[in-house]
C-alpha cells in the first residue's frame, strides 16, 4: 500500500499504534530490502486527540505511557537501519 511516486523528493510515513511490538514489526517490514519500500523518515503520531485513536493507546495518549513509548522507539530505531524516526506531538 506504500508507494513512492517518482516526483516525490522526500517520502515519509506516519504510524499510529499504542503497541511497541506493532511499531517494531512494521519497522522491520519497512527496513526489509525485499519489501522495496524506500522511505526517508518514519513518524510516530502522538498528536491525534480523537477518542477512537486514544482509546486504543495510540495518538496523544501514547505520550502518557512512557513504558510503551520507550520500547517502541528502541525497537524502531534498532530495526530501521539509519532511517530517521520522528515524533509528531
C-alpha atoms as a PDB file:
ATOM      1  CA  UNK A   1       0.000   0.000   0.000  1.00  0.00           C
ATOM      2  CA  UNK A   2       3.006   2.294   0.245  1.00  0.00           C
ATOM      3  CA  UNK A   3       4.480   3.556  -2.950  1.00  0.00           C
ATOM      4  CA  UNK A   4       6.767   6.466  -3.592  1.00  0.00           C
ATOM      5  CA  UNK A   5       5.874   8.488  -6.664  1.00  0.00           C
ATOM      6  CA  UNK A   6       8.817   9.415  -8.867  1.00  0.00           C
ATOM      7  CA  UNK A   7       8.027  13.125  -8.391  1.00  0.00           C
ATOM      8  CA  UNK A   8       8.406  12.959  -4.589  1.00  0.00           C
ATOM      9  CA  UNK A   9      11.744  14.257  -3.309  1.00  0.00           C
ATOM     10  CA  UNK A  10      11.029  13.340   0.308  1.00  0.00           C
ATOM     11  CA  UNK A  11       8.817  10.431   1.269  1.00  0.00           C
ATOM     12  CA  UNK A  12       7.895   9.672   4.845  1.00  0.00           C
ATOM     13  CA  UNK A  13       5.204   7.649   6.527  1.00  0.00           C
ATOM     14  CA  UNK A  14       3.301   8.205   9.738  1.00  0.00           C
ATOM     15  CA  UNK A  15       2.389   5.359  12.050  1.00  0.00           C
ATOM     16  CA  UNK A  16      -0.196   5.317  14.805  1.00  0.00           C
ATOM     17  CA  UNK A  17      -0.162   2.495  17.319  1.00  0.00           C
ATOM     18  CA  UNK A  18      -0.073   2.107  21.059  1.00  0.00           C
ATOM     19  CA  UNK A  19       1.839  -1.165  20.965  1.00  0.00           C
ATOM     20  CA  UNK A  20       5.636  -1.386  20.733  1.00  0.00           C
ATOM     21  CA  UNK A  21       5.537  -4.781  19.025  1.00  0.00           C
ATOM     22  CA  UNK A  22       3.356  -3.424  16.214  1.00  0.00           C
ATOM     23  CA  UNK A  23       5.581  -0.402  15.646  1.00  0.00           C
ATOM     24  CA  UNK A  24       8.709  -2.560  15.692  1.00  0.00           C
ATOM     25  CA  UNK A  25       7.199  -5.112  13.305  1.00  0.00           C
ATOM     26  CA  UNK A  26       6.183  -2.513  10.717  1.00  0.00           C
ATOM     27  CA  UNK A  27       9.690  -1.053  11.032  1.00  0.00           C
ATOM     28  CA  UNK A  28      11.082  -4.481  10.183  1.00  0.00           C
ATOM     29  CA  UNK A  29       8.862  -4.612   7.096  1.00  0.00           C
ATOM     30  CA  UNK A  30       9.994  -1.137   6.016  1.00  0.00           C
ATOM     31  CA  UNK A  31      13.667  -1.967   6.548  1.00  0.00           C
ATOM     32  CA  UNK A  32      13.407  -5.274   4.681  1.00  0.00           C
ATOM     33  CA  UNK A  33      15.141  -4.811   1.341  1.00  0.00           C
ATOM     34  CA  UNK A  34      12.758  -7.301  -0.268  1.00  0.00           C
ATOM     35  CA  UNK A  35       9.785  -5.040   0.526  1.00  0.00           C
ATOM     36  CA  UNK A  36      11.171  -2.473  -1.937  1.00  0.00           C
ATOM     37  CA  UNK A  37       9.691   0.395   0.110  1.00  0.00           C
ATOM     38  CA  UNK A  38      12.010   3.391   0.207  1.00  0.00           C
ATOM     39  CA  UNK A  39      11.187   5.924   2.902  1.00  0.00           C
ATOM     40  CA  UNK A  40      13.193   8.924   4.082  1.00  0.00           C
ATOM     41  CA  UNK A  41      11.705   9.025   7.570  1.00  0.00           C
ATOM     42  CA  UNK A  42       9.125   7.312   9.772  1.00  0.00           C
ATOM     43  CA  UNK A  43       6.948   9.432  12.044  1.00  0.00           C
ATOM     44  CA  UNK A  44       5.070   8.235  15.127  1.00  0.00           C
ATOM     45  CA  UNK A  45       1.750  10.031  15.507  1.00  0.00           C
ATOM     46  CA  UNK A  46       1.480  11.217  19.097  1.00  0.00           C
ATOM     47  CA  UNK A  47      -0.710  14.215  18.408  1.00  0.00           C
ATOM     48  CA  UNK A  48      -4.082  12.816  17.409  1.00  0.00           C
ATOM     49  CA  UNK A  49      -6.668  13.636  20.105  1.00  0.00           C
ATOM     50  CA  UNK A  50      -9.525  11.551  18.654  1.00  0.00           C
ATOM     51  CA  UNK A  51     -11.092   9.157  21.168  1.00  0.00           C
ATOM     52  CA  UNK A  52     -11.150   6.408  18.539  1.00  0.00           C
ATOM     53  CA  UNK A  53      -7.348   6.540  18.366  1.00  0.00           C
ATOM     54  CA  UNK A  54      -6.562   7.418  22.006  1.00  0.00           C
ATOM     55  CA  UNK A  55      -8.784   4.655  23.405  1.00  0.00           C
ATOM     56  CA  UNK A  56      -6.513   2.162  21.636  1.00  0.00           C
ATOM     57  CA  UNK A  57      -3.422   3.638  23.295  1.00  0.00           C
ATOM     58  CA  UNK A  58      -2.235   5.475  20.189  1.00  0.00           C
ATOM     59  CA  UNK A  59      -2.101   9.140  19.218  1.00  0.00           C
ATOM     60  CA  UNK A  60      -1.938  11.673  22.034  1.00  0.00           C
ATOM     61  CA  UNK A  61      -2.437   9.006  24.715  1.00  0.00           C
ATOM     62  CA  UNK A  62       0.919   7.436  23.825  1.00  0.00           C
ATOM     63  CA  UNK A  63       2.633  10.494  25.357  1.00  0.00           C
ATOM     64  CA  UNK A  64       1.292   9.429  28.733  1.00  0.00           C
ATOM     65  CA  UNK A  65       2.652   5.886  28.513  1.00  0.00           C
ATOM     66  CA  UNK A  66       6.444   6.018  28.577  1.00  0.00           C
ATOM     67  CA  UNK A  67       6.515   2.299  29.370  1.00  0.00           C
ATOM     68  CA  UNK A  68       5.194   1.660  25.833  1.00  0.00           C
ATOM     69  CA  UNK A  69       6.823   4.584  24.038  1.00  0.00           C
ATOM     70  CA  UNK A  70      10.392   3.792  25.048  1.00  0.00           C
ATOM     71  CA  UNK A  71      10.436   0.161  23.820  1.00  0.00           C
ATOM     72  CA  UNK A  72       8.665   1.253  20.627  1.00  0.00           C
ATOM     73  CA  UNK A  73      11.341   3.858  19.899  1.00  0.00           C
ATOM     74  CA  UNK A  74      14.181   1.492  20.740  1.00  0.00           C
ATOM     75  CA  UNK A  75      12.705  -1.253  18.562  1.00  0.00           C
ATOM     76  CA  UNK A  76      12.089   1.097  15.651  1.00  0.00           C
ATOM     77  CA  UNK A  77      15.495   2.767  15.740  1.00  0.00           C
ATOM     78  CA  UNK A  78      17.244  -0.602  16.006  1.00  0.00           C
ATOM     79  CA  UNK A  79      15.388  -2.094  13.038  1.00  0.00           C
ATOM     80  CA  UNK A  80      15.186   0.860  10.619  1.00  0.00           C
ATOM     81  CA  UNK A  81      18.906   0.828   9.816  1.00  0.00           C
ATOM     82  CA  UNK A  82      19.517   4.568   9.938  1.00  0.00           C
ATOM     83  CA  UNK A  83      16.126   5.771   8.691  1.00  0.00           C
ATOM     84  CA  UNK A  84      15.210   8.712  10.957  1.00  0.00           C
ATOM     85  CA  UNK A  85      12.340   8.301  13.409  1.00  0.00           C
ATOM     86  CA  UNK A  86      10.372  11.423  14.307  1.00  0.00           C
ATOM     87  CA  UNK A  87       7.535  12.118  16.737  1.00  0.00           C
ATOM     88  CA  UNK A  88       4.502  14.262  15.925  1.00  0.00           C
ATOM     89  CA  UNK A  89       3.177  15.788  19.120  1.00  0.00           C
END
